[in-house]
Amino acid sequence: MNMIQRIQEAKEFISSKTNQTYQFGLILGSGLGDLADKVENKVTIKYDEVPHFPVSTVEGHAGQLVLGTLAGKQVIAMQGRFHFYEGYSQQDVTFPVRVMKALGVETVLVTNAAGGMNADFHAGDLMLITDHINMTGSNPLIGPNFAELGPRFPDMSTAYTPELVEVAKRVAADQGVTVQQGVYAGISGPTYMTPAELIMLRNMGGDAIGMSTVPEVIVARHAGMKVLGITCITDMAIGEALEPLTHEQVVEVANRTKPIFMNLVQGILKEV
């Protein structure tokens, strides 16, 4: 069964649970999944029910789709995502983005928790992603290309839609929220980086570092979707002063930032 057929089966299953059309896709990262609880008139579908979906195995990821209305917009929210380090291929990791597109989604808002490599950042900051560096060692578009899904060689000059970044900045200012902007360096994980690796990535232009997002954004852009990325800086990843880090610490900081983050996302949805 090829990619097109798998997408169609997943689409048909989800469509059988709801008669709505959807405008926006939300991919909610570590500690940020509670935003899906704000969705109204919702239909919830566990990942393991959807044909060909992987299953999320990471603590802090609920592992379900939540479909309904948020801030007046019809959304499909991924309450938890999949990661390359879980052993899935990048094609598997990004399969839900393909299904979102098949269901009519044209704009994806992707969130994550990440370490801050920019010394001007602080734990708890929110960063609007303006670009990324793919350091995962792979790419979800490797392999056969189906022209109906997107071009063989997609342009990535504006991977993160500049107009959406401007909307997010305006909404943040209206809410009195200070947001950073920067480049997200995506790695495979699951190890956190060594001091030398962090210094290298900062010197390459990275402002934040995490283990997700890049594959999903590549596929979203391949499919012609608009993308907004928001990072919660959960720890400082400064190579010269690196301290031990656990996933529990990451989730704890993400949880503290959650109310500001949720208000910002809902404000952005109202404006787009």
C-alpha atoms as a PDB file:
ATOM      1  CA  MET A   1       0.000   0.000   0.000  1.00  0.00           C
ATOM      2  CA  ASN A   2       1.535   3.315  -1.039  1.00  0.00           C
ATOM      3  CA  MET A   3       1.500   6.657   0.782  1.00  0.00           C
ATOM      4  CA  ILE A   4      -1.527   7.975  -1.118  1.00  0.00           C
ATOM      5  CA  GLN A   5      -3.607   4.931  -0.179  1.00  0.00           C
ATOM      6  CA  ARG A   6      -2.577   5.109   3.485  1.00  0.00           C
ATOM      7  CA  ILE A   7      -3.478   8.799   3.648  1.00  0.00           C
ATOM      8  CA  GLN A   8      -6.867   8.085   2.079  1.00  0.00           C
ATOM      9  CA  GLU A   9      -7.681   5.315   4.562  1.00  0.00           C
ATOM     10  CA  ALA A  10      -6.769   7.501   7.544  1.00  0.00           C
ATOM     11  CA  LYS A  11      -8.735  10.423   6.111  1.00  0.00           C
ATOM     12  CA  GLU A  12     -11.825   8.294   5.543  1.00  0.00           C
ATOM     13  CA  PHE A  13     -11.684   6.911   9.093  1.00  0.00           C
ATOM     14  CA  ILE A  14     -11.429  10.385  10.651  1.00  0.00           C
ATOM     15  CA  SER A  15     -14.124  11.757   8.345  1.00  0.00           C
ATOM     16  CA  SER A  16     -16.440   8.970   9.518  1.00  0.00           C
ATOM     17  CA  LYS A  17     -16.246  10.427  13.045  1.00  0.00           C
ATOM     18  CA  THR A  18     -17.061  14.024  12.110  1.00  0.00           C
ATOM     19  CA  ASN A  19     -18.794  15.900   9.307  1.00  0.00           C
ATOM     20  CA  GLN A  20     -16.798  19.118   9.785  1.00  0.00           C
ATOM     21  CA  THR A  21     -14.144  20.624   7.565  1.00  0.00           C
ATOM     22  CA  TYR A  22     -11.014  21.951   9.248  1.00  0.00           C
ATOM     23  CA  GLN A  23      -8.884  25.040   8.623  1.00  0.00           C
ATOM     24  CA  PHE A  24      -6.042  24.708  11.100  1.00  0.00           C
ATOM     25  CA  GLY A  25      -3.783  21.961  12.369  1.00  0.00           C
ATOM     26  CA  LEU A  26      -2.158  22.228  15.803  1.00  0.00           C
ATOM     27  CA  ILE A  27       0.821  20.057  16.750  1.00  0.00           C
ATOM     28  CA  LEU A  28       1.240  20.299  20.516  1.00  0.00           C
ATOM     29  CA  GLY A  29       4.585  19.372  22.070  1.00  0.00           C
ATOM     30  CA  SER A  30       5.877  18.356  25.504  1.00  0.00           C
ATOM     31  CA  GLY A  31       3.808  19.822  28.335  1.00  0.00           C
ATOM     32  CA  LEU A  32       1.721  21.891  25.890  1.00  0.00           C
ATOM     33  CA  GLY A  33      -1.052  19.426  25.073  1.00  0.00           C
ATOM     34  CA  ASP A  34      -3.541  20.975  27.515  1.00  0.00           C
ATOM     35  CA  LEU A  35      -4.486  23.517  24.860  1.00  0.00           C
ATOM     36  CA  ALA A  36      -6.494  20.738  23.216  1.00  0.00           C
ATOM     37  CA  ASP A  37      -8.666  20.644  26.348  1.00  0.00           C
ATOM     38  CA  LYS A  38      -9.923  24.121  25.373  1.00  0.00           C
ATOM     39  CA  VAL A  39     -11.388  22.795  22.106  1.00  0.00           C
ATOM     40  CA  GLU A  40     -15.197  22.979  22.032  1.00  0.00           C
ATOM     41  CA  ASN A  41     -17.680  20.592  20.400  1.00  0.00           C
ATOM     42  CA  LYS A  42     -14.810  18.187  20.222  1.00  0.00           C
ATOM     43  CA  VAL A  43     -14.339  14.728  18.802  1.00  0.00           C
ATOM     44  CA  THR A  44     -11.433  12.799  20.312  1.00  0.00           C
ATOM     45  CA  ILE A  45      -9.739   9.953  18.445  1.00  0.00           C
ATOM     46  CA  LYS A  46      -6.877   7.915  19.912  1.00  0.00           C
ATOM     47  CA  TYR A  47      -3.903   7.562  17.609  1.00  0.00           C
ATOM     48  CA  ASP A  48      -4.011   3.775  17.796  1.00  0.00           C
ATOM     49  CA  GLU A  49      -7.536   3.841  16.319  1.00  0.00           C
ATOM     50  CA  VAL A  50      -6.499   5.685  13.143  1.00  0.00           C
ATOM     51  CA  PRO A  51      -5.277   3.472  10.294  1.00  0.00           C
ATOM     52  CA  HIS A  52      -1.505   3.771   9.743  1.00  0.00           C
ATOM     53  CA  PHE A  53      -0.938   6.260  12.578  1.00  0.00           C
ATOM     54  CA  PRO A  54       2.059   5.648  14.836  1.00  0.00           C
ATOM     55  CA  VAL A  55       1.566   5.697  18.617  1.00  0.00           C
ATOM     56  CA  SER A  56       3.120   8.357  20.849  1.00  0.00           C
ATOM     57  CA  THR A  57       5.360   6.831  23.526  1.00  0.00           C
ATOM     58  CA  VAL A  58       6.711   9.931  25.275  1.00  0.00           C
ATOM     59  CA  GLU A  59       5.674  11.147  28.736  1.00  0.00           C
ATOM     60  CA  GLY A  60       3.714  14.401  28.462  1.00  0.00           C
ATOM     61  CA  HIS A  61       2.142  13.390  25.129  1.00  0.00           C
ATOM     62  CA  ALA A  62      -1.494  12.257  25.432  1.00  0.00           C
ATOM     63  CA  GLY A  63      -1.547  10.475  22.081  1.00  0.00           C
ATOM     64  CA  GLN A  64      -4.812  11.538  20.491  1.00  0.00           C
ATOM     65  CA  LEU A  65      -6.417  13.786  17.908  1.00  0.00           C
ATOM     66  CA  VAL A  66      -8.833  16.418  19.170  1.00  0.00           C
ATOM     67  CA  LEU A  67     -11.105  17.918  16.500  1.00  0.00           C
ATOM     68  CA  GLY A  68     -13.465  20.832  17.067  1.00  0.00           C
ATOM     69  CA  THR A  69     -13.638  24.603  17.539  1.00  0.00           C
ATOM     70  CA  LEU A  70     -10.946  26.743  19.159  1.00  0.00           C
ATOM     71  CA  ALA A  71     -11.069  30.549  19.162  1.00  0.00           C
ATOM     72  CA  GLY A  72     -13.818  30.382  16.587  1.00  0.00           C
ATOM     73  CA  LYS A  73     -11.800  28.283  14.118  1.00  0.00           C
ATOM     74  CA  GLN A  74     -12.168  24.640  13.140  1.00  0.00           C
ATOM     75  CA  VAL A  75      -9.026  22.841  14.256  1.00  0.00           C
ATOM     76  CA  ILE A  76      -7.424  19.422  14.303  1.00  0.00           C
ATOM     77  CA  ALA A  77      -5.120  19.270  17.323  1.00  0.00           C
ATOM     78  CA  MET A  78      -2.471  16.623  17.838  1.00  0.00           C
ATOM     79  CA  GLN A  79      -2.331  16.173  21.595  1.00  0.00           C
ATOM     80  CA  GLY A  80       1.156  14.717  21.526  1.00  0.00           C
ATOM     81  CA  ARG A  81       3.385  14.062  18.536  1.00  0.00           C
ATOM     82  CA  PHE A  82       5.733  11.427  17.204  1.00  0.00           C
ATOM     83  CA  HIS A  83       9.515  11.642  17.142  1.00  0.00           C
ATOM     84  CA  PHE A  84      12.286  10.252  14.980  1.00  0.00           C
ATOM     85  CA  TYR A  85      14.056   9.009  18.139  1.00  0.00           C
ATOM     86  CA  GLU A  86      11.128   6.735  19.014  1.00  0.00           C
ATOM     87  CA  GLY A  87      12.226   4.541  16.129  1.00  0.00           C
ATOM     88  CA  TYR A  88       9.734   5.779  13.567  1.00  0.00           C
ATOM     89  CA  SER A  89      10.817   6.869  10.110  1.00  0.00           C
ATOM     90  CA  GLN A  90      10.421  10.543   9.315  1.00  0.00           C
ATOM     91  CA  GLN A  91       7.681   9.517   6.873  1.00  0.00           C
ATOM     92  CA  ASP A  92       5.814   7.954   9.824  1.00  0.00           C
ATOM     93  CA  VAL A  93       6.479  10.949  12.079  1.00  0.00           C
ATOM     94  CA  THR A  94       4.942  13.299   9.516  1.00  0.00           C
ATOM     95  CA  PHE A  95       2.066  11.096   8.371  1.00  0.00           C
ATOM     96  CA  PRO A  96      -0.507  13.052  10.452  1.00  0.00           C
ATOM     97  CA  VAL A  97       0.465  16.253   8.632  1.00  0.00           C
ATOM     98  CA  ARG A  98      -0.340  14.524   5.336  1.00  0.00           C
ATOM     99  CA  VAL A  99      -3.713  13.474   6.735  1.00  0.00           C
ATOM    100  CA  MET A 100      -4.437  16.999   7.983  1.00  0.00           C
ATOM    101  CA  LYS A 101      -3.847  18.308   4.482  1.00  0.00           C
ATOM    102  CA  ALA A 102      -6.184  15.652   3.058  1.00  0.00           C
ATOM    103  CA  LEU A 103      -8.844  16.825   5.533  1.00  0.00           C
ATOM    104  CA  GLY A 104      -8.584  20.390   4.237  1.00  0.00           C
ATOM    105  CA  VAL A 105      -6.110  21.976   6.653  1.00  0.00           C
ATOM    106  CA  GLU A 106      -4.157  24.812   5.024  1.00  0.00           C
ATOM    107  CA  THR A 107      -2.308  26.257   8.035  1.00  0.00           C
ATOM    108  CA  VAL A 108      -0.291  24.384  10.657  1.00  0.00           C
ATOM    109  CA  LEU A 109       0.727  25.788  14.026  1.00  0.00           C
ATOM    110  CA  VAL A 110       3.517  23.655  15.447  1.00  0.00           C
ATOM    111  CA  THR A 111       4.762  23.962  19.023  1.00  0.00           C
ATOM    112  CA  ASN A 112       7.637  22.430  20.917  1.00  0.00           C
ATOM    113  CA  ALA A 113       9.745  22.599  24.028  1.00  0.00           C
ATOM    114  CA  ALA A 114      13.413  23.362  23.391  1.00  0.00           C
ATOM    115  CA  GLY A 115      16.677  24.404  24.947  1.00  0.00           C
ATOM    116  CA  GLY A 116      17.784  27.997  24.505  1.00  0.00           C
ATOM    117  CA  MET A 117      21.229  28.433  22.940  1.00  0.00           C
ATOM    118  CA  ASN A 118      20.914  32.204  22.614  1.00  0.00           C
ATOM    119  CA  ALA A 119      22.358  33.814  25.752  1.00  0.00           C
ATOM    120  CA  ASP A 120      19.719  36.557  25.568  1.00  0.00           C
ATOM    121  CA  PHE A 121      16.947  33.996  26.160  1.00  0.00           C
ATOM    122  CA  HIS A 122      15.624  32.761  29.501  1.00  0.00           C
ATOM    123  CA  ALA A 123      13.865  29.576  30.570  1.00  0.00           C
ATOM    124  CA  GLY A 124      10.128  30.186  30.162  1.00  0.00           C
ATOM    125  CA  ASP A 125      10.489  32.442  27.119  1.00  0.00           C
ATOM    126  CA  LEU A 126       8.390  31.854  24.006  1.00  0.00           C
ATOM    127  CA  MET A 127      10.235  32.008  20.673  1.00  0.00           C
ATOM    128  CA  LEU A 128       8.652  32.488  17.276  1.00  0.00           C
ATOM    129  CA  ILE A 129      10.547  30.273  14.848  1.00  0.00           C
ATOM    130  CA  THR A 130      11.780  32.202  11.825  1.00  0.00           C
ATOM    131  CA  ASP A 131      13.864  29.408  10.266  1.00  0.00           C
ATOM    132  CA  HIS A 132      15.356  26.032  11.095  1.00  0.00           C
ATOM    133  CA  ILE A 133      18.512  23.965  10.701  1.00  0.00           C
ATOM    134  CA  ASN A 134      17.898  20.287   9.963  1.00  0.00           C
ATOM    135  CA  MET A 135      20.485  18.333  11.969  1.00  0.00           C
ATOM    136  CA  THR A 136      18.434  15.145  12.248  1.00  0.00           C
ATOM    137  CA  GLY A 137      20.502  13.325   9.640  1.00  0.00           C
ATOM    138  CA  SER A 138      17.432  12.571   7.535  1.00  0.00           C
ATOM    139  CA  ASN A 139      14.555  14.129   5.613  1.00  0.00           C
ATOM    140  CA  PRO A 140      10.920  12.975   5.384  1.00  0.00           C
ATOM    141  CA  LEU A 141      10.897  13.520   1.610  1.00  0.00           C
ATOM    142  CA  ILE A 142      13.608  10.926   0.925  1.00  0.00           C
ATOM    143  CA  GLY A 143      12.177   8.206  -1.312  1.00  0.00           C
ATOM    144  CA  PRO A 144       9.552   8.227  -4.075  1.00  0.00           C
ATOM    145  CA  ASN A 145       7.760  11.544  -4.593  1.00  0.00           C
ATOM    146  CA  PHE A 146       4.037  11.624  -5.329  1.00  0.00           C
ATOM    147  CA  ALA A 147       3.343  14.712  -7.421  1.00  0.00           C
ATOM    148  CA  GLU A 148      -0.182  14.990  -6.005  1.00  0.00           C
ATOM    149  CA  LEU A 149       1.359  15.535  -2.540  1.00  0.00           C
ATOM    150  CA  GLY A 150       3.918  18.146  -3.583  1.00  0.00           C
ATOM    151  CA  PRO A 151       6.940  18.877  -5.781  1.00  0.00           C
ATOM    152  CA  ARG A 152      10.058  16.727  -5.887  1.00  0.00           C
ATOM    153  CA  PHE A 153      12.246  19.670  -4.805  1.00  0.00           C
ATOM    154  CA  PRO A 154      10.177  21.987  -2.578  1.00  0.00           C
ATOM    155  CA  ASP A 155      11.365  25.511  -1.840  1.00  0.00           C
ATOM    156  CA  MET A 156      12.220  26.186   1.818  1.00  0.00           C
ATOM    157  CA  SER A 157      13.155  29.873   1.586  1.00  0.00           C
ATOM    158  CA  THR A 158      10.133  30.759   3.737  1.00  0.00           C
ATOM    159  CA  ALA A 159       9.611  27.541   5.682  1.00  0.00           C
ATOM    160  CA  TYR A 160       7.890  29.546   8.431  1.00  0.00           C
ATOM    161  CA  THR A 161       5.320  31.878   6.879  1.00  0.00           C
ATOM    162  CA  PRO A 162       6.508  35.471   7.511  1.00  0.00           C
ATOM    163  CA  GLU A 163       2.950  36.860   7.550  1.00  0.00           C
ATOM    164  CA  LEU A 164       2.010  34.500  10.361  1.00  0.00           C
ATOM    165  CA  VAL A 165       5.101  35.498  12.344  1.00  0.00           C
ATOM    166  CA  GLU A 166       3.969  39.126  12.048  1.00  0.00           C
ATOM    167  CA  VAL A 167       0.464  38.222  13.237  1.00  0.00           C
ATOM    168  CA  ALA A 168       1.949  36.379  16.217  1.00  0.00           C
ATOM    169  CA  LYS A 169       4.161  39.361  17.101  1.00  0.00           C
ATOM    170  CA  ARG A 170       1.179  41.718  16.950  1.00  0.00           C
ATOM    171  CA  VAL A 171      -0.990  39.450  19.114  1.00  0.00           C
ATOM    172  CA  ALA A 172       1.826  38.998  21.641  1.00  0.00           C
ATOM    173  CA  ALA A 173       2.269  42.775  21.874  1.00  0.00           C
ATOM    174  CA  ASP A 174      -1.480  43.242  22.396  1.00  0.00           C
ATOM    175  CA  GLN A 175      -1.369  40.671  25.200  1.00  0.00           C
ATOM    176  CA  GLY A 176       1.705  42.225  26.802  1.00  0.00           C
ATOM    177  CA  VAL A 177       3.761  39.099  26.133  1.00  0.00           C
ATOM    178  CA  THR A 178       7.421  39.416  25.214  1.00  0.00           C
ATOM    179  CA  VAL A 179       8.346  36.905  22.527  1.00  0.00           C
ATOM    180  CA  GLN A 180      11.744  36.054  21.145  1.00  0.00           C
ATOM    181  CA  GLN A 181      12.439  35.210  17.524  1.00  0.00           C
ATOM    182  CA  GLY A 182      15.024  32.802  16.243  1.00  0.00           C
ATOM    183  CA  VAL A 183      16.298  29.752  14.424  1.00  0.00           C
ATOM    184  CA  TYR A 184      15.352  26.278  15.647  1.00  0.00           C
ATOM    185  CA  ALA A 185      18.006  23.575  15.327  1.00  0.00           C
ATOM    186  CA  GLY A 186      16.344  20.179  15.001  1.00  0.00           C
ATOM    187  CA  ILE A 187      18.317  17.117  16.127  1.00  0.00           C
ATOM    188  CA  SER A 188      17.414  13.436  16.193  1.00  0.00           C
ATOM    189  CA  GLY A 189      17.837  12.835  19.937  1.00  0.00           C
ATOM    190  CA  PRO A 190      17.172  11.108  22.249  1.00  0.00           C
ATOM    191  CA  THR A 191      20.338  12.310  23.979  1.00  0.00           C
ATOM    192  CA  TYR A 192      20.667  15.909  24.987  1.00  0.00           C
ATOM    193  CA  MET A 193      23.645  17.576  23.341  1.00  0.00           C
ATOM    194  CA  THR A 194      27.209  17.809  24.595  1.00  0.00           C
ATOM    195  CA  PRO A 195      28.718  21.212  25.349  1.00  0.00           C
ATOM    196  CA  ALA A 196      30.839  21.081  22.170  1.00  0.00           C
ATOM    197  CA  GLU A 197      27.791  20.223  20.046  1.00  0.00           C
ATOM    198  CA  LEU A 198      25.798  23.107  21.503  1.00  0.00           C
ATOM    199  CA  ILE A 199      28.609  25.570  20.847  1.00  0.00           C
ATOM    200  CA  MET A 200      28.850  24.297  17.266  1.00  0.00           C
ATOM    201  CA  LEU A 201      25.117  24.688  16.642  1.00  0.00           C
ATOM    202  CA  ARG A 202      25.038  28.158  18.177  1.00  0.00           C
ATOM    203  CA  ASN A 203      27.967  29.178  15.953  1.00  0.00           C
ATOM    204  CA  MET A 204      26.007  27.823  12.968  1.00  0.00           C
ATOM    205  CA  GLY A 205      23.164  30.218  13.777  1.00  0.00           C
ATOM    206  CA  GLY A 206      20.870  28.200  16.040  1.00  0.00           C
ATOM    207  CA  ASP A 207      18.967  29.978  18.812  1.00  0.00           C
ATOM    208  CA  ALA A 208      17.064  26.988  20.217  1.00  0.00           C
ATOM    209  CA  ILE A 209      17.506  23.237  20.006  1.00  0.00           C
ATOM    210  CA  GLY A 210      14.965  20.427  20.089  1.00  0.00           C
ATOM    211  CA  MET A 211      14.093  16.946  18.842  1.00  0.00           C
ATOM    212  CA  SER A 212      10.980  17.605  16.761  1.00  0.00           C
ATOM    213  CA  THR A 213       9.241  20.071  14.429  1.00  0.00           C
ATOM    214  CA  VAL A 214      11.660  20.088  11.488  1.00  0.00           C
ATOM    215  CA  PRO A 215      10.226  16.958   9.781  1.00  0.00           C
ATOM    216  CA  GLU A 216       6.634  18.165  10.190  1.00  0.00           C
ATOM    217  CA  VAL A 217       7.460  21.600   8.812  1.00  0.00           C
ATOM    218  CA  ILE A 218       9.236  20.128   5.790  1.00  0.00           C
ATOM    219  CA  VAL A 219       6.178  18.038   4.947  1.00  0.00           C
ATOM    220  CA  ALA A 220       3.761  20.898   5.580  1.00  0.00           C
ATOM    221  CA  ARG A 221       5.693  23.120   3.193  1.00  0.00           C
ATOM    222  CA  HIS A 222       5.959  20.276   0.653  1.00  0.00           C
ATOM    223  CA  ALA A 223       2.159  20.130   0.789  1.00  0.00           C
ATOM    224  CA  GLY A 224       1.822  23.892   0.279  1.00  0.00           C
ATOM    225  CA  MET A 225       0.607  24.595   3.808  1.00  0.00           C
ATOM    226  CA  LYS A 226       1.360  27.759   5.769  1.00  0.00           C
ATOM    227  CA  VAL A 227       3.362  27.249   8.958  1.00  0.00           C
ATOM    228  CA  LEU A 228       3.770  29.065  12.265  1.00  0.00           C
ATOM    229  CA  GLY A 229       6.183  27.636  14.827  1.00  0.00           C
ATOM    230  CA  ILE A 230       6.295  28.558  18.521  1.00  0.00           C
ATOM    231  CA  THR A 231       8.938  27.236  20.901  1.00  0.00           C
ATOM    232  CA  CYS A 232       8.761  27.202  24.676  1.00  0.00           C
ATOM    233  CA  ILE A 233      12.327  27.657  25.947  1.00  0.00           C
ATOM    234  CA  THR A 234      12.361  25.219  28.857  1.00  0.00           C
ATOM    235  CA  ASP A 235      16.066  25.332  29.754  1.00  0.00           C
ATOM    236  CA  MET A 236      19.249  27.114  28.782  1.00  0.00           C
ATOM    237  CA  ALA A 237      21.546  25.038  26.595  1.00  0.00           C
ATOM    238  CA  ILE A 238      24.698  27.171  26.760  1.00  0.00           C
ATOM    239  CA  GLY A 239      27.653  24.935  25.991  1.00  0.00           C
ATOM    240  CA  GLU A 240      30.118  26.812  28.189  1.00  0.00           C
ATOM    241  CA  ALA A 241      27.847  26.560  31.265  1.00  0.00           C
ATOM    242  CA  LEU A 242      25.820  23.413  30.659  1.00  0.00           C
ATOM    243  CA  GLU A 243      24.048  21.782  33.600  1.00  0.00           C
ATOM    244  CA  PRO A 244      22.485  18.289  33.741  1.00  0.00           C
ATOM    245  CA  LEU A 245      18.925  18.149  32.352  1.00  0.00           C
ATOM    246  CA  THR A 246      15.986  15.740  32.620  1.00  0.00           C
ATOM    247  CA  HIS A 247      12.760  15.431  30.613  1.00  0.00           C
ATOM    248  CA  GLU A 248      10.827  16.080  33.828  1.00  0.00           C
ATOM    249  CA  GLN A 249      12.473  19.507  34.112  1.00  0.00           C
ATOM    250  CA  VAL A 250      11.490  20.287  30.517  1.00  0.00           C
ATOM    251  CA  VAL A 251       7.839  19.385  31.145  1.00  0.00           C
ATOM    252  CA  GLU A 252       7.785  21.321  34.429  1.00  0.00           C
ATOM    253  CA  VAL A 253       8.898  24.579  32.787  1.00  0.00           C
ATOM    254  CA  ALA A 254       6.520  24.022  29.861  1.00  0.00           C
ATOM    255  CA  ASN A 255       3.696  23.601  32.374  1.00  0.00           C
ATOM    256  CA  ARG A 256       4.582  26.891  34.072  1.00  0.00           C
ATOM    257  CA  THR A 257       4.523  28.726  30.748  1.00  0.00           C
ATOM    258  CA  LYS A 258       1.321  27.028  29.611  1.00  0.00           C
ATOM    259  CA  PRO A 259      -1.253  29.769  30.450  1.00  0.00           C
ATOM    260  CA  ILE A 260       0.676  32.433  28.504  1.00  0.00           C
ATOM    261  CA  PHE A 261       1.255  30.038  25.625  1.00  0.00           C
ATOM    262  CA  MET A 262      -2.403  29.003  25.421  1.00  0.00           C
ATOM    263  CA  ASN A 263      -3.638  32.588  25.439  1.00  0.00           C
ATOM    264  CA  LEU A 264      -1.170  33.495  22.706  1.00  0.00           C
ATOM    265  CA  VAL A 265      -2.179  30.618  20.427  1.00  0.00           C
ATOM    266  CA  GLN A 266      -5.880  31.362  20.875  1.00  0.00           C
ATOM    267  CA  GLY A 267      -5.259  35.029  20.148  1.00  0.00           C
ATOM    268  CA  ILE A 268      -3.367  34.138  16.980  1.00  0.00           C
ATOM    269  CA  LEU A 269      -6.159  31.834  15.810  1.00  0.00           C
ATOM    270  CA  LYS A 270      -8.675  34.647  16.226  1.00  0.00           C
ATOM    271  CA  GLU A 271      -6.563  36.908  14.000  1.00  0.00           C
ATOM    272  CA  VAL A 272      -5.816  34.558  11.092  1.00  0.00           C
END
